[in-house]
Every structure is written in C-alpha cells, then in structure tokens.
PDB file of N, CA and C in Angstrom:
ATOM      1  N   UNK A   1      52.139 -10.993 -35.293  1.00  0.00           N
ATOM      2  CA  UNK A   1      53.157 -10.829 -36.254  1.00  0.00           C
ATOM      3  C   UNK A   1      52.967  -9.188 -36.211  1.00  0.00           C
ATOM      4  N   UNK A   2      54.144  -8.436 -36.378  1.00  0.00           N
ATOM      5  CA  UNK A   2      54.213  -6.986 -36.736  1.00  0.00           C
ATOM      6  C   UNK A   2      55.420  -6.485 -37.716  1.00  0.00           C
ATOM      7  N   UNK A   3      55.418  -6.017 -38.674  1.00  0.00           N
ATOM      8  CA  UNK A   3      55.988  -5.759 -39.552  1.00  0.00           C
ATOM      9  C   UNK A   3      56.601  -4.095 -39.310  1.00  0.00           C
ATOM     10  N   UNK A   4      57.508  -3.623 -39.501  1.00  0.00           N
ATOM     11  CA  UNK A   4      58.273  -2.146 -39.287  1.00  0.00           C
ATOM     12  C   UNK A   4      59.387  -1.903 -40.358  1.00  0.00           C
ATOM     13  N   UNK A   5      58.897  -0.783 -40.856  1.00  0.00           N
ATOM     14  CA  UNK A   5      59.736   0.184 -42.031  1.00  0.00           C
ATOM     15  C   UNK A   5      59.751   1.306 -41.534  1.00  0.00           C
ATOM     16  N   UNK A   6      61.389   1.537 -41.360  1.00  0.00           N
ATOM     17  CA  UNK A   6      61.456   2.493 -41.333  1.00  0.00           C
ATOM     18  C   UNK A   6      62.262   4.147 -42.620  1.00  0.00           C
ATOM     19  N   UNK A   7      61.815   4.896 -42.348  1.00  0.00           N
ATOM     20  CA  UNK A   7      62.136   5.907 -42.990  1.00  0.00           C
ATOM     21  C   UNK A   7      62.875   7.322 -42.423  1.00  0.00           C
ATOM     22  N   UNK A   8      63.629   8.292 -43.379  1.00  0.00           N
ATOM     23  CA  UNK A   8      63.884   9.395 -43.142  1.00  0.00           C
ATOM     24  C   UNK A   8      65.114   9.552 -43.008  1.00  0.00           C
ATOM     25  N   UNK A   9      66.012   8.113 -42.698  1.00  0.00           N
ATOM     26  CA  UNK A   9      67.382   8.624 -42.934  1.00  0.00           C
ATOM     27  C   UNK A   9      68.362   9.268 -44.022  1.00  0.00           C
ATOM     28  N   UNK A  10      69.386   9.618 -43.851  1.00  0.00           N
ATOM     29  CA  UNK A  10      69.920  10.184 -45.081  1.00  0.00           C
ATOM     30  C   UNK A  10      71.394  11.104 -44.679  1.00  0.00           C
ATOM     31  N   UNK A  11      71.940  11.737 -45.304  1.00  0.00           N
ATOM     32  CA  UNK A  11      73.162  12.492 -45.178  1.00  0.00           C
ATOM     33  C   UNK A  11      73.045  13.682 -44.606  1.00  0.00           C
ATOM     34  N   UNK A  12      73.316  13.871 -43.121  1.00  0.00           N
ATOM     35  CA  UNK A  12      73.190  15.458 -42.848  1.00  0.00           C
ATOM     36  C   UNK A  12      74.759  15.983 -42.348  1.00  0.00           C
ATOM     37  N   UNK A  13      74.353  17.397 -41.896  1.00  0.00           N
ATOM     38  CA  UNK A  13      75.561  17.870 -41.628  1.00  0.00           C
ATOM     39  C   UNK A  13      75.510  18.429 -40.400  1.00  0.00           C
ATOM     40  N   UNK A  14      76.698  18.366 -39.128  1.00  0.00           N
ATOM     41  CA  UNK A  14      76.966  18.850 -38.060  1.00  0.00           C
ATOM     42  C   UNK A  14      75.868  19.508 -37.506  1.00  0.00           C
ATOM     43  N   UNK A  15      74.866  19.355 -36.320  1.00  0.00           N
ATOM     44  CA  UNK A  15      73.940  20.711 -36.187  1.00  0.00           C
ATOM     45  C   UNK A  15      72.961  20.525 -36.839  1.00  0.00           C
ATOM     46  N   UNK A  16      72.373  19.718 -38.040  1.00  0.00           N
ATOM     47  CA  UNK A  16      71.331  19.598 -38.598  1.00  0.00           C
ATOM     48  C   UNK A  16      70.006  19.303 -37.407  1.00  0.00           C
ATOM     49  N   UNK A  17      69.156  18.916 -38.072  1.00  0.00           N
ATOM     50  CA  UNK A  17      68.368  18.274 -37.307  1.00  0.00           C
ATOM     51  C   UNK A  17      67.358  16.992 -38.158  1.00  0.00           C
ATOM     52  N   UNK A  18      66.988  15.744 -37.991  1.00  0.00           N
ATOM     53  CA  UNK A  18      66.573  15.029 -38.776  1.00  0.00           C
ATOM     54  C   UNK A  18      64.871  14.200 -38.136  1.00  0.00           C
ATOM     55  N   UNK A  19      64.173  13.303 -38.955  1.00  0.00           N
ATOM     56  CA  UNK A  19      63.475  13.224 -37.984  1.00  0.00           C
ATOM     57  C   UNK A  19      62.973  11.812 -38.804  1.00  0.00           C
ATOM     58  N   UNK A  20      63.278  10.610 -37.907  1.00  0.00           N
ATOM     59  CA  UNK A  20      63.177   9.325 -38.524  1.00  0.00           C
ATOM     60  C   UNK A  20      61.640   8.940 -37.981  1.00  0.00           C
ATOM     61  N   UNK A  21      61.005   8.132 -39.094  1.00  0.00           N
ATOM     62  CA  UNK A  21      60.001   7.738 -39.021  1.00  0.00           C
ATOM     63  C   UNK A  21      59.716   6.117 -38.876  1.00  0.00           C
ATOM     64  N   UNK A  22      58.798   5.285 -38.213  1.00  0.00           N
ATOM     65  CA  UNK A  22      58.681   4.031 -38.663  1.00  0.00           C
ATOM     66  C   UNK A  22      57.192   3.781 -38.977  1.00  0.00           C
ATOM     67  N   UNK A  23      56.760   3.181 -39.497  1.00  0.00           N
ATOM     68  CA  UNK A  23      55.504   2.594 -39.836  1.00  0.00           C
ATOM     69  C   UNK A  23      55.225   1.367 -39.614  1.00  0.00           C
ATOM     70  N   UNK A  24      54.287   0.561 -38.331  1.00  0.00           N
ATOM     71  CA  UNK A  24      54.048  -0.918 -38.299  1.00  0.00           C
ATOM     72  C   UNK A  24      53.166  -1.411 -38.880  1.00  0.00           C
ATOM     73  N   UNK A  25      53.167  -2.129 -38.899  1.00  0.00           N
ATOM     74  CA  UNK A  25      51.398  -3.138 -39.811  1.00  0.00           C
ATOM     75  C   UNK A  25      51.542  -4.206 -39.512  1.00  0.00           C
ATOM     76  N   UNK A  26      50.097  -4.869 -39.477  1.00  0.00           N
ATOM     77  CA  UNK A  26      50.663  -6.549 -39.486  1.00  0.00           C
ATOM     78  C   UNK A  26      49.394  -6.856 -38.104  1.00  0.00           C
ATOM     79  N   UNK A  27      49.650  -5.543 -37.021  1.00  0.00           N
ATOM     80  CA  UNK A  27      49.091  -5.733 -36.012  1.00  0.00           C
ATOM     81  C   UNK A  27      49.220  -4.416 -35.491  1.00  0.00           C
ATOM     82  N   UNK A  28      48.283  -3.867 -34.573  1.00  0.00           N
ATOM     83  CA  UNK A  28      48.016  -2.170 -34.058  1.00  0.00           C
ATOM     84  C   UNK A  28      49.512  -2.562 -33.509  1.00  0.00           C
ATOM     85  N   UNK A  29      49.666  -1.199 -33.620  1.00  0.00           N
ATOM     86  CA  UNK A  29      51.232  -0.438 -32.874  1.00  0.00           C
ATOM     87  C   UNK A  29      50.412   0.091 -31.539  1.00  0.00           C
ATOM     88  N   UNK A  30      49.674   0.385 -31.581  1.00  0.00           N
ATOM     89  CA  UNK A  30      48.788   0.782 -30.058  1.00  0.00           C
ATOM     90  C   UNK A  30      49.114  -0.282 -28.848  1.00  0.00           C
ATOM     91  N   UNK A  31      49.387  -1.718 -29.645  1.00  0.00           N
ATOM     92  CA  UNK A  31      49.804  -2.396 -28.055  1.00  0.00           C
ATOM     93  C   UNK A  31      51.300  -2.836 -28.158  1.00  0.00           C
ATOM     94  N   UNK A  32      51.997  -2.326 -28.602  1.00  0.00           N
ATOM     95  CA  UNK A  32      53.160  -2.398 -28.449  1.00  0.00           C
ATOM     96  C   UNK A  32      54.023  -1.306 -28.023  1.00  0.00           C
ATOM     97  N   UNK A  33      55.078  -1.470 -27.464  1.00  0.00           N
ATOM     98  CA  UNK A  33      56.285  -0.610 -27.146  1.00  0.00           C
ATOM     99  C   UNK A  33      56.994  -0.564 -28.583  1.00  0.00           C
ATOM    100  N   UNK A  34      57.362   0.531 -28.397  1.00  0.00           N
ATOM    101  CA  UNK A  34      58.642   0.919 -29.515  1.00  0.00           C
ATOM    102  C   UNK A  34      59.497   1.719 -29.445  1.00  0.00           C
ATOM    103  N   UNK A  35      60.449   1.077 -30.194  1.00  0.00           N
ATOM    104  CA  UNK A  35      61.752   2.222 -29.399  1.00  0.00           C
ATOM    105  C   UNK A  35      62.789   2.406 -30.853  1.00  0.00           C
ATOM    106  N   UNK A  36      63.877   2.722 -30.632  1.00  0.00           N
ATOM    107  CA  UNK A  36      65.031   2.723 -31.195  1.00  0.00           C
ATOM    108  C   UNK A  36      66.377   2.689 -31.116  1.00  0.00           C
ATOM    109  N   UNK A  37      66.915   1.471 -31.832  1.00  0.00           N
ATOM    110  CA  UNK A  37      68.356   1.294 -31.688  1.00  0.00           C
ATOM    111  C   UNK A  37      69.439   1.682 -32.887  1.00  0.00           C
ATOM    112  N   UNK A  38      70.647   1.821 -32.478  1.00  0.00           N
ATOM    113  CA  UNK A  38      71.292   2.397 -33.705  1.00  0.00           C
ATOM    114  C   UNK A  38      72.888   1.083 -33.571  1.00  0.00           C
ATOM    115  N   UNK A  39      73.465   1.310 -34.714  1.00  0.00           N
ATOM    116  CA  UNK A  39      74.549   0.404 -34.968  1.00  0.00           C
ATOM    117  C   UNK A  39      75.194   1.371 -35.610  1.00  0.00           C
ATOM    118  N   UNK A  40      76.403   1.691 -35.361  1.00  0.00           N
ATOM    119  CA  UNK A  40      77.928   2.558 -35.811  1.00  0.00           C
ATOM    120  C   UNK A  40      78.344   1.677 -36.866  1.00  0.00           C
ATOM    121  N   UNK A  41      79.317   1.986 -37.866  1.00  0.00           N
ATOM    122  CA  UNK A  41      80.167   0.983 -38.453  1.00  0.00           C
ATOM    123  C   UNK A  41      81.351   0.750 -37.225  1.00  0.00           C
ATOM    124  N   UNK A  42      81.836  -0.756 -36.989  1.00  0.00           N
ATOM    125  CA  UNK A  42      82.480  -1.904 -36.166  1.00  0.00           C
ATOM    126  C   UNK A  42      81.900  -1.727 -34.929  1.00  0.00           C
ATOM    127  N   UNK A  43      80.829  -1.704 -34.533  1.00  0.00           N
ATOM    128  CA  UNK A  43      80.675  -1.291 -33.154  1.00  0.00           C
ATOM    129  C   UNK A  43      79.004  -2.120 -32.847  1.00  0.00           C
ATOM    130  N   UNK A  44      78.479  -2.672 -31.967  1.00  0.00           N
ATOM    131  CA  UNK A  44      77.904  -3.222 -31.582  1.00  0.00           C
ATOM    132  C   UNK A  44      76.337  -2.333 -31.652  1.00  0.00           C
ATOM    133  N   UNK A  45      75.059  -2.983 -31.901  1.00  0.00           N
ATOM    134  CA  UNK A  45      73.831  -2.546 -31.342  1.00  0.00           C
ATOM    135  C   UNK A  45      73.827  -1.291 -30.217  1.00  0.00           C
ATOM    136  N   UNK A  46      73.147  -0.132 -30.013  1.00  0.00           N
ATOM    137  CA  UNK A  46      73.281   0.561 -28.941  1.00  0.00           C
ATOM    138  C   UNK A  46      71.720   0.987 -28.642  1.00  0.00           C
ATOM    139  N   UNK A  47      71.619   0.895 -27.732  1.00  0.00           N
ATOM    140  CA  UNK A  47      69.830   1.666 -27.360  1.00  0.00           C
ATOM    141  C   UNK A  47      69.903   3.132 -27.527  1.00  0.00           C
ATOM    142  N   UNK A  48      68.834   3.756 -27.996  1.00  0.00           N
ATOM    143  CA  UNK A  48      68.854   5.098 -28.399  1.00  0.00           C
ATOM    144  C   UNK A  48      67.065   5.749 -27.632  1.00  0.00           C
ATOM    145  N   UNK A  49      66.304   5.462 -27.718  1.00  0.00           N
ATOM    146  CA  UNK A  49      65.215   5.549 -26.974  1.00  0.00           C
ATOM    147  C   UNK A  49      64.077   4.602 -27.005  1.00  0.00           C
ATOM    148  N   UNK A  50      62.991   5.064 -25.895  1.00  0.00           N
ATOM    149  CA  UNK A  50      61.958   3.531 -26.135  1.00  0.00           C
ATOM    150  C   UNK A  50      60.788   4.581 -25.392  1.00  0.00           C
ATOM    151  N   UNK A  51      59.424   4.480 -26.124  1.00  0.00           N
ATOM    152  CA  UNK A  51      58.728   4.716 -25.838  1.00  0.00           C
ATOM    153  C   UNK A  51      57.255   3.535 -25.399  1.00  0.00           C
ATOM    154  N   UNK A  52      56.199   3.942 -24.750  1.00  0.00           N
ATOM    155  CA  UNK A  52      55.267   2.664 -24.134  1.00  0.00           C
ATOM    156  C   UNK A  52      54.064   2.838 -24.808  1.00  0.00           C
ATOM    157  N   UNK A  53      53.689   1.956 -24.876  1.00  0.00           N
ATOM    158  CA  UNK A  53      52.468   1.970 -25.785  1.00  0.00           C
ATOM    159  C   UNK A  53      51.324   2.925 -25.427  1.00  0.00           C
ATOM    160  N   UNK A  54      51.702   3.473 -24.628  1.00  0.00           N
ATOM    161  CA  UNK A  54      50.528   4.600 -24.206  1.00  0.00           C
ATOM    162  C   UNK A  54      50.903   6.198 -24.572  1.00  0.00           C
ATOM    163  N   UNK A  55      52.400   5.809 -24.908  1.00  0.00           N
ATOM    164  CA  UNK A  55      53.168   7.058 -24.987  1.00  0.00           C
ATOM    165  C   UNK A  55      53.747   7.921 -23.601  1.00  0.00           C
ATOM    166  N   UNK A  56      53.161   7.634 -22.567  1.00  0.00           N
ATOM    167  CA  UNK A  56      53.274   8.156 -20.890  1.00  0.00           C
ATOM    168  C   UNK A  56      54.527   8.138 -20.623  1.00  0.00           C
ATOM    169  N   UNK A  57      55.240   6.633 -20.946  1.00  0.00           N
ATOM    170  CA  UNK A  57      56.936   7.006 -20.610  1.00  0.00           C
ATOM    171  C   UNK A  57      58.047   6.488 -21.881  1.00  0.00           C
ATOM    172  N   UNK A  58      58.771   7.120 -21.533  1.00  0.00           N
ATOM    173  CA  UNK A  58      60.016   7.311 -22.049  1.00  0.00           C
ATOM    174  C   UNK A  58      61.120   6.914 -22.072  1.00  0.00           C
ATOM    175  N   UNK A  59      62.092   6.665 -22.780  1.00  0.00           N
ATOM    176  CA  UNK A  59      63.230   6.051 -22.038  1.00  0.00           C
ATOM    177  C   UNK A  59      64.940   6.932 -23.260  1.00  0.00           C
ATOM    178  N   UNK A  60      65.491   7.181 -22.693  1.00  0.00           N
ATOM    179  CA  UNK A  60      66.584   7.638 -23.549  1.00  0.00           C
ATOM    180  C   UNK A  60      67.862   7.255 -23.089  1.00  0.00           C
ATOM    181  N   UNK A  61      68.932   6.865 -24.209  1.00  0.00           N
ATOM    182  CA  UNK A  61      70.255   6.660 -23.378  1.00  0.00           C
ATOM    183  C   UNK A  61      70.952   8.008 -23.285  1.00  0.00           C
ATOM    184  N   UNK A  62      71.876   8.094 -22.435  1.00  0.00           N
ATOM    185  CA  UNK A  62      72.625   9.281 -21.981  1.00  0.00           C
ATOM    186  C   UNK A  62      73.106  10.452 -23.366  1.00  0.00           C
ATOM    187  N   UNK A  63      73.817   9.227 -24.297  1.00  0.00           N
ATOM    188  CA  UNK A  63      74.203  10.189 -25.212  1.00  0.00           C
ATOM    189  C   UNK A  63      73.184  10.742 -26.222  1.00  0.00           C
ATOM    190  N   UNK A  64      72.080  10.619 -25.680  1.00  0.00           N
ATOM    191  CA  UNK A  64      70.862  11.527 -26.901  1.00  0.00           C
ATOM    192  C   UNK A  64      69.958  12.016 -26.161  1.00  0.00           C
ATOM    193  N   UNK A  65      69.705  12.077 -24.874  1.00  0.00           N
ATOM    194  CA  UNK A  65      69.038  12.600 -24.124  1.00  0.00           C
ATOM    195  C   UNK A  65      69.215  14.078 -24.101  1.00  0.00           C
ATOM    196  N   UNK A  66      68.065  14.808 -24.359  1.00  0.00           N
ATOM    197  CA  UNK A  66      68.146  16.169 -24.383  1.00  0.00           C
ATOM    198  C   UNK A  66      68.442  16.848 -25.835  1.00  0.00           C
ATOM    199  N   UNK A  67      68.663  15.770 -26.823  1.00  0.00           N
ATOM    200  CA  UNK A  67      68.887  16.061 -28.388  1.00  0.00           C
ATOM    201  C   UNK A  67      67.699  15.536 -28.945  1.00  0.00           C
ATOM    202  N   UNK A  68      67.417  14.137 -28.944  1.00  0.00           N
ATOM    203  CA  UNK A  68      66.494  13.284 -29.378  1.00  0.00           C
ATOM    204  C   UNK A  68      65.127  13.162 -28.539  1.00  0.00           C
ATOM    205  N   UNK A  69      64.257  13.258 -29.474  1.00  0.00           N
ATOM    206  CA  UNK A  69      62.941  12.978 -28.873  1.00  0.00           C
ATOM    207  C   UNK A  69      62.201  11.841 -29.971  1.00  0.00           C
ATOM    208  N   UNK A  70      61.778  10.908 -28.562  1.00  0.00           N
ATOM    209  CA  UNK A  70      60.594  10.265 -29.339  1.00  0.00           C
ATOM    210  C   UNK A  70      58.942   9.784 -29.454  1.00  0.00           C
ATOM    211  N   UNK A  71      58.536   9.917 -30.144  1.00  0.00           N
ATOM    212  CA  UNK A  71      56.912  10.256 -30.019  1.00  0.00           C
ATOM    213  C   UNK A  71      56.056   8.771 -30.963  1.00  0.00           C
ATOM    214  N   UNK A  72      55.018   8.885 -30.661  1.00  0.00           N
ATOM    215  CA  UNK A  72      53.915   8.528 -31.315  1.00  0.00           C
ATOM    216  C   UNK A  72      52.783   8.425 -32.002  1.00  0.00           C
ATOM    217  N   UNK A  73      51.964   7.958 -32.568  1.00  0.00           N
ATOM    218  CA  UNK A  73      50.737   8.387 -33.461  1.00  0.00           C
ATOM    219  C   UNK A  73      50.223   7.047 -33.532  1.00  0.00           C
ATOM    220  N   UNK A  74      49.543   6.375 -32.386  1.00  0.00           N
ATOM    221  CA  UNK A  74      48.985   5.109 -32.369  1.00  0.00           C
ATOM    222  C   UNK A  74      48.126   5.128 -33.867  1.00  0.00           C
ATOM    223  N   UNK A  75      47.170   6.253 -34.166  1.00  0.00           N
ATOM    224  CA  UNK A  75      46.093   6.131 -34.935  1.00  0.00           C
ATOM    225  C   UNK A  75      46.685   6.317 -36.404  1.00  0.00           C
ATOM    226  N   UNK A  76      48.099   6.128 -36.524  1.00  0.00           N
ATOM    227  CA  UNK A  76      48.873   5.781 -37.419  1.00  0.00           C
ATOM    228  C   UNK A  76      49.776   4.637 -37.656  1.00  0.00           C
ATOM    229  N   UNK A  77      50.276   3.824 -36.230  1.00  0.00           N
ATOM    230  CA  UNK A  77      50.546   3.137 -36.426  1.00  0.00           C
ATOM    231  C   UNK A  77      51.996   3.493 -36.689  1.00  0.00           C
ATOM    232  N   UNK A  78      52.441   4.705 -36.185  1.00  0.00           N
ATOM    233  CA  UNK A  78      53.882   5.079 -36.176  1.00  0.00           C
ATOM    234  C   UNK A  78      54.667   5.808 -34.958  1.00  0.00           C
ATOM    235  N   UNK A  79      56.069   5.392 -35.118  1.00  0.00           N
ATOM    236  CA  UNK A  79      56.890   5.920 -33.759  1.00  0.00           C
ATOM    237  C   UNK A  79      57.912   6.836 -34.424  1.00  0.00           C
ATOM    238  N   UNK A  80      58.002   7.566 -34.119  1.00  0.00           N
ATOM    239  CA  UNK A  80      59.116   8.773 -34.933  1.00  0.00           C
ATOM    240  C   UNK A  80      60.103   8.842 -33.552  1.00  0.00           C
ATOM    241  N   UNK A  81      61.245   9.290 -34.164  1.00  0.00           N
ATOM    242  CA  UNK A  81      62.526  10.017 -33.660  1.00  0.00           C
ATOM    243  C   UNK A  81      62.898  11.170 -33.947  1.00  0.00           C
ATOM    244  N   UNK A  82      62.699  12.506 -33.259  1.00  0.00           N
ATOM    245  CA  UNK A  82      63.352  13.703 -33.642  1.00  0.00           C
ATOM    246  C   UNK A  82      64.864  13.879 -33.228  1.00  0.00           C
ATOM    247  N   UNK A  83      65.441  14.007 -34.397  1.00  0.00           N
ATOM    248  CA  UNK A  83      67.126  14.201 -33.613  1.00  0.00           C
ATOM    249  C   UNK A  83      67.491  15.633 -34.125  1.00  0.00           C
ATOM    250  N   UNK A  84      67.761  16.154 -33.060  1.00  0.00           N
ATOM    251  CA  UNK A  84      68.444  17.468 -33.011  1.00  0.00           C
ATOM    252  C   UNK A  84      70.183  17.594 -32.489  1.00  0.00           C
ATOM    253  N   UNK A  85      70.669  18.870 -32.903  1.00  0.00           N
ATOM    254  CA  UNK A  85      71.792  18.905 -32.779  1.00  0.00           C
ATOM    255  C   UNK A  85      72.813  17.398 -33.018  1.00  0.00           C
ATOM    256  N   UNK A  86      72.640  17.298 -34.086  1.00  0.00           N
ATOM    257  CA  UNK A  86      73.254  16.072 -34.276  1.00  0.00           C
ATOM    258  C   UNK A  86      74.823  16.421 -34.602  1.00  0.00           C
ATOM    259  N   UNK A  87      75.365  14.799 -34.284  1.00  0.00           N
ATOM    260  CA  UNK A  87      76.772  15.428 -34.334  1.00  0.00           C
ATOM    261  C   UNK A  87      77.455  13.976 -35.154  1.00  0.00           C
ATOM    262  N   UNK A  88      78.733  13.650 -35.383  1.00  0.00           N
ATOM    263  CA  UNK A  88      79.189  12.411 -36.427  1.00  0.00           C
ATOM    264  C   UNK A  88      78.883  11.216 -35.361  1.00  0.00           C
ATOM    265  N   UNK A  89      79.071  11.576 -34.426  1.00  0.00           N
ATOM    266  CA  UNK A  89      78.551  10.218 -33.740  1.00  0.00           C
ATOM    267  C   UNK A  89      77.676   9.734 -33.709  1.00  0.00           C
ATOM    268  N   UNK A  90      76.952  10.485 -34.084  1.00  0.00           N
ATOM    269  CA  UNK A  90      75.362  10.300 -34.442  1.00  0.00           C
ATOM    270  C   UNK A  90      75.304   8.944 -35.714  1.00  0.00           C
ATOM    271  N   UNK A  91      76.340   9.110 -36.315  1.00  0.00           N
ATOM    272  CA  UNK A  91      76.505   8.102 -37.509  1.00  0.00           C
ATOM    273  C   UNK A  91      76.126   6.657 -37.150  1.00  0.00           C
ATOM    274  N   UNK A  92      74.954   6.392 -37.823  1.00  0.00           N
ATOM    275  CA  UNK A  92      74.696   5.007 -37.574  1.00  0.00           C
ATOM    276  C   UNK A  92      74.100   4.637 -38.141  1.00  0.00           C
ATOM    277  N   UNK A  93      73.044   2.911 -38.800  1.00  0.00           N
ATOM    278  CA  UNK A  93      72.147   2.543 -39.113  1.00  0.00           C
ATOM    279  C   UNK A  93      70.955   2.226 -37.777  1.00  0.00           C
ATOM    280  N   UNK A  94      70.204   3.221 -38.080  1.00  0.00           N
ATOM    281  CA  UNK A  94      68.987   3.257 -37.235  1.00  0.00           C
ATOM    282  C   UNK A  94      67.870   2.300 -37.540  1.00  0.00           C
ATOM    283  N   UNK A  95      67.748   1.695 -36.009  1.00  0.00           N
ATOM    284  CA  UNK A  95      66.495   0.330 -36.465  1.00  0.00           C
ATOM    285  C   UNK A  95      65.368   0.588 -35.273  1.00  0.00           C
ATOM    286  N   UNK A  96      64.285   0.621 -36.109  1.00  0.00           N
ATOM    287  CA  UNK A  96      62.648   0.337 -35.485  1.00  0.00           C
ATOM    288  C   UNK A  96      63.049  -0.921 -34.541  1.00  0.00           C
ATOM    289  N   UNK A  97      62.653  -0.770 -33.383  1.00  0.00           N
ATOM    290  CA  UNK A  97      62.186  -2.342 -32.800  1.00  0.00           C
ATOM    291  C   UNK A  97      60.554  -2.282 -31.768  1.00  0.00           C
ATOM    292  N   UNK A  98      60.173  -3.057 -31.968  1.00  0.00           N
ATOM    293  CA  UNK A  98      58.640  -2.940 -30.890  1.00  0.00           C
ATOM    294  C   UNK A  98      58.664  -4.406 -30.097  1.00  0.00           C
ATOM    295  N   UNK A  99      57.876  -4.171 -29.090  1.00  0.00           N
ATOM    296  CA  UNK A  99      57.559  -5.536 -28.510  1.00  0.00           C
ATOM    297  C   UNK A  99      56.676  -5.486 -27.665  1.00  0.00           C
ATOM    298  N   UNK A 100      55.749  -6.499 -27.281  1.00  0.00           N
ATOM    299  CA  UNK A 100      54.332  -6.765 -26.378  1.00  0.00           C
ATOM    300  C   UNK A 100      54.954  -6.044 -24.866  1.00  0.00           C
ATOM    301  N   UNK A 101      56.191  -6.386 -24.348  1.00  0.00           N
ATOM    302  CA  UNK A 101      56.557  -5.656 -22.998  1.00  0.00           C
ATOM    303  C   UNK A 101      57.496  -4.439 -23.583  1.00  0.00           C
ATOM    304  N   UNK A 102      57.527  -3.727 -22.349  1.00  0.00           N
ATOM    305  CA  UNK A 102      57.980  -2.549 -22.553  1.00  0.00           C
ATOM    306  C   UNK A 102      59.912  -2.404 -23.355  1.00  0.00           C
ATOM    307  N   UNK A 103      60.387  -1.569 -24.331  1.00  0.00           N
ATOM    308  CA  UNK A 103      61.182  -1.815 -24.793  1.00  0.00           C
ATOM    309  C   UNK A 103      62.534  -1.055 -24.119  1.00  0.00           C
ATOM    310  N   UNK A 104      63.015  -1.693 -23.598  1.00  0.00           N
ATOM    311  CA  UNK A 104      64.485  -0.913 -22.372  1.00  0.00           C
ATOM    312  C   UNK A 104      66.005  -1.206 -22.851  1.00  0.00           C
ATOM    313  N   UNK A 105      66.945  -0.721 -22.422  1.00  0.00           N
ATOM    314  CA  UNK A 105      68.021  -1.076 -23.218  1.00  0.00           C
ATOM    315  C   UNK A 105      68.727  -2.535 -22.833  1.00  0.00           C
ATOM    316  N   UNK A 106      68.065  -2.869 -21.763  1.00  0.00           N
ATOM    317  CA  UNK A 106      68.485  -4.321 -21.551  1.00  0.00           C
ATOM    318  C   UNK A 106      67.851  -5.521 -22.326  1.00  0.00           C
ATOM    319  N   UNK A 107      66.874  -4.944 -23.025  1.00  0.00           N
ATOM    320  CA  UNK A 107      65.697  -6.076 -23.487  1.00  0.00           C
ATOM    321  C   UNK A 107      66.268  -6.100 -25.159  1.00  0.00           C
ATOM    322  N   UNK A 108      65.833  -7.433 -25.694  1.00  0.00           N
ATOM    323  CA  UNK A 108      65.818  -7.286 -27.028  1.00  0.00           C
ATOM    324  C   UNK A 108      64.562  -7.641 -27.615  1.00  0.00           C
ATOM    325  N   UNK A 109      63.998  -6.569 -28.303  1.00  0.00           N
ATOM    326  CA  UNK A 109      62.904  -6.604 -28.782  1.00  0.00           C
ATOM    327  C   UNK A 109      62.287  -7.611 -29.745  1.00  0.00           C
ATOM    328  N   UNK A 110      61.186  -7.885 -30.192  1.00  0.00           N
ATOM    329  CA  UNK A 110      60.514  -9.287 -30.971  1.00  0.00           C
ATOM    330  C   UNK A 110      60.280  -9.063 -32.255  1.00  0.00           C
ATOM    331  N   UNK A 111      60.150  -7.759 -32.462  1.00  0.00           N
ATOM    332  CA  UNK A 111      60.345  -7.163 -34.002  1.00  0.00           C
ATOM    333  C   UNK A 111      61.153  -5.694 -34.200  1.00  0.00           C
ATOM    334  N   UNK A 112      61.377  -6.164 -35.460  1.00  0.00           N
ATOM    335  CA  UNK A 112      62.802  -5.685 -35.935  1.00  0.00           C
ATOM    336  C   UNK A 112      62.759  -4.794 -37.485  1.00  0.00           C
ATOM    337  N   UNK A 113      62.678  -3.730 -37.939  1.00  0.00           N
ATOM    338  CA  UNK A 113      62.707  -3.154 -39.104  1.00  0.00           C
ATOM    339  C   UNK A 113      63.869  -3.145 -39.685  1.00  0.00           C
ATOM    340  N   UNK A 114      63.966  -3.162 -40.772  1.00  0.00           N
ATOM    341  CA  UNK A 114      65.229  -3.429 -42.020  1.00  0.00           C
ATOM    342  C   UNK A 114      66.645  -2.130 -41.569  1.00  0.00           C
ATOM    343  N   UNK A 115      65.916  -0.822 -40.987  1.00  0.00           N
ATOM    344  CA  UNK A 115      67.278  -0.012 -40.758  1.00  0.00           C
ATOM    345  C   UNK A 115      67.099   0.866 -41.584  1.00  0.00           C
ATOM    346  N   UNK A 116      67.538   1.921 -41.461  1.00  0.00           N
ATOM    347  CA  UNK A 116      67.694   3.117 -41.775  1.00  0.00           C
ATOM    348  C   UNK A 116      69.191   3.624 -42.050  1.00  0.00           C
ATOM    349  N   UNK A 117      69.891   4.537 -42.991  1.00  0.00           N
ATOM    350  CA  UNK A 117      71.335   5.007 -42.690  1.00  0.00           C
ATOM    351  C   UNK A 117      71.223   6.459 -42.045  1.00  0.00           C
ATOM    352  N   UNK A 118      71.704   6.462 -41.352  1.00  0.00           N
ATOM    353  CA  UNK A 118      72.005   8.350 -40.800  1.00  0.00           C
ATOM    354  C   UNK A 118      73.589   8.661 -40.803  1.00  0.00           C
ATOM    355  N   UNK A 119      73.639   9.558 -41.984  1.00  0.00           N
ATOM    356  CA  UNK A 119      75.511   9.556 -41.958  1.00  0.00           C
ATOM    357  C   UNK A 119      75.418  11.203 -41.669  1.00  0.00           C
ATOM    358  N   UNK A 120      76.244  11.482 -40.704  1.00  0.00           N
ATOM    359  CA  UNK A 120      76.859  12.806 -40.153  1.00  0.00           C
ATOM    360  C   UNK A 120      77.810  13.357 -40.645  1.00  0.00           C
ATOM    361  N   UNK A 121      77.909  14.490 -41.968  1.00  0.00           N
ATOM    362  CA  UNK A 121      79.357  14.916 -41.864  1.00  0.00           C
ATOM    363  C   UNK A 121      79.716  15.969 -40.904  1.00  0.00           C
ATOM    364  N   UNK A 122      81.060  16.381 -40.785  1.00  0.00           N
ATOM    365  CA  UNK A 122      81.423  17.280 -39.646  1.00  0.00           C
ATOM    366  C   UNK A 122      81.617  18.325 -40.820  1.00  0.00           C
TER     367      UNK A 122
END
C-alpha cells in the first residue's frame, strides 16, 4: 500500500506560477508511476500529467502541455507539478495518484491522495 499526501495548493492570480508536491509513504515511490489528476466544480476527473517510475517518460494533457511540468525525486519519494501561466480554467482540486503500472489518461490508478485545492482568480 502507498499513502499519498498533496501540498502546495492555494489561491493565485491568472498568470502566476504554483508548485504542487506529493509525498508518498508506505512503500518506495521509486517503484511507482505517479501522476496528477484534477476535478473542477461540476466536472468529471481529468488527467493532467504522469511520470514513469524512472522519470524517463512523461505524459501531459493537451490543456496543460507547455505550461505544466511533472517531475519526481525518488530519494524523497515525491512528485511535483510545476504550474506556470496559470489561468482560471485550471481551478480545480488536484489529486496525486500512483500505480505499479504506468499512469495514463485512460487508466485508474490504485493509489490516490486526498487532493489539494487550486483556485485561480482572473
């Protein structure tokens, strides 16, 4: 089992940057693919980004590609989401997720965090 805890959310203005963090415990995150999903008010959960256990492979949704960067530090069992050029459409609860298999837009990871709120004002 793995436990995931997100941090770094908050209220920001359009155009700002924000960095989300996710710390994994309970098992080595180095063996897990990790990713970020988000859910905006009144909408379904949306894939944002994912990274392989080695860090060599990354995936991004088209809506964030070029603005967000996912990275990880296996020594710290952590994954990060650097969010640049944030806009109000990025307002959502952001969830960290992990799985033994590669996290992808079409998969449902086994492990989930509780989520962190990101609110972007215009």
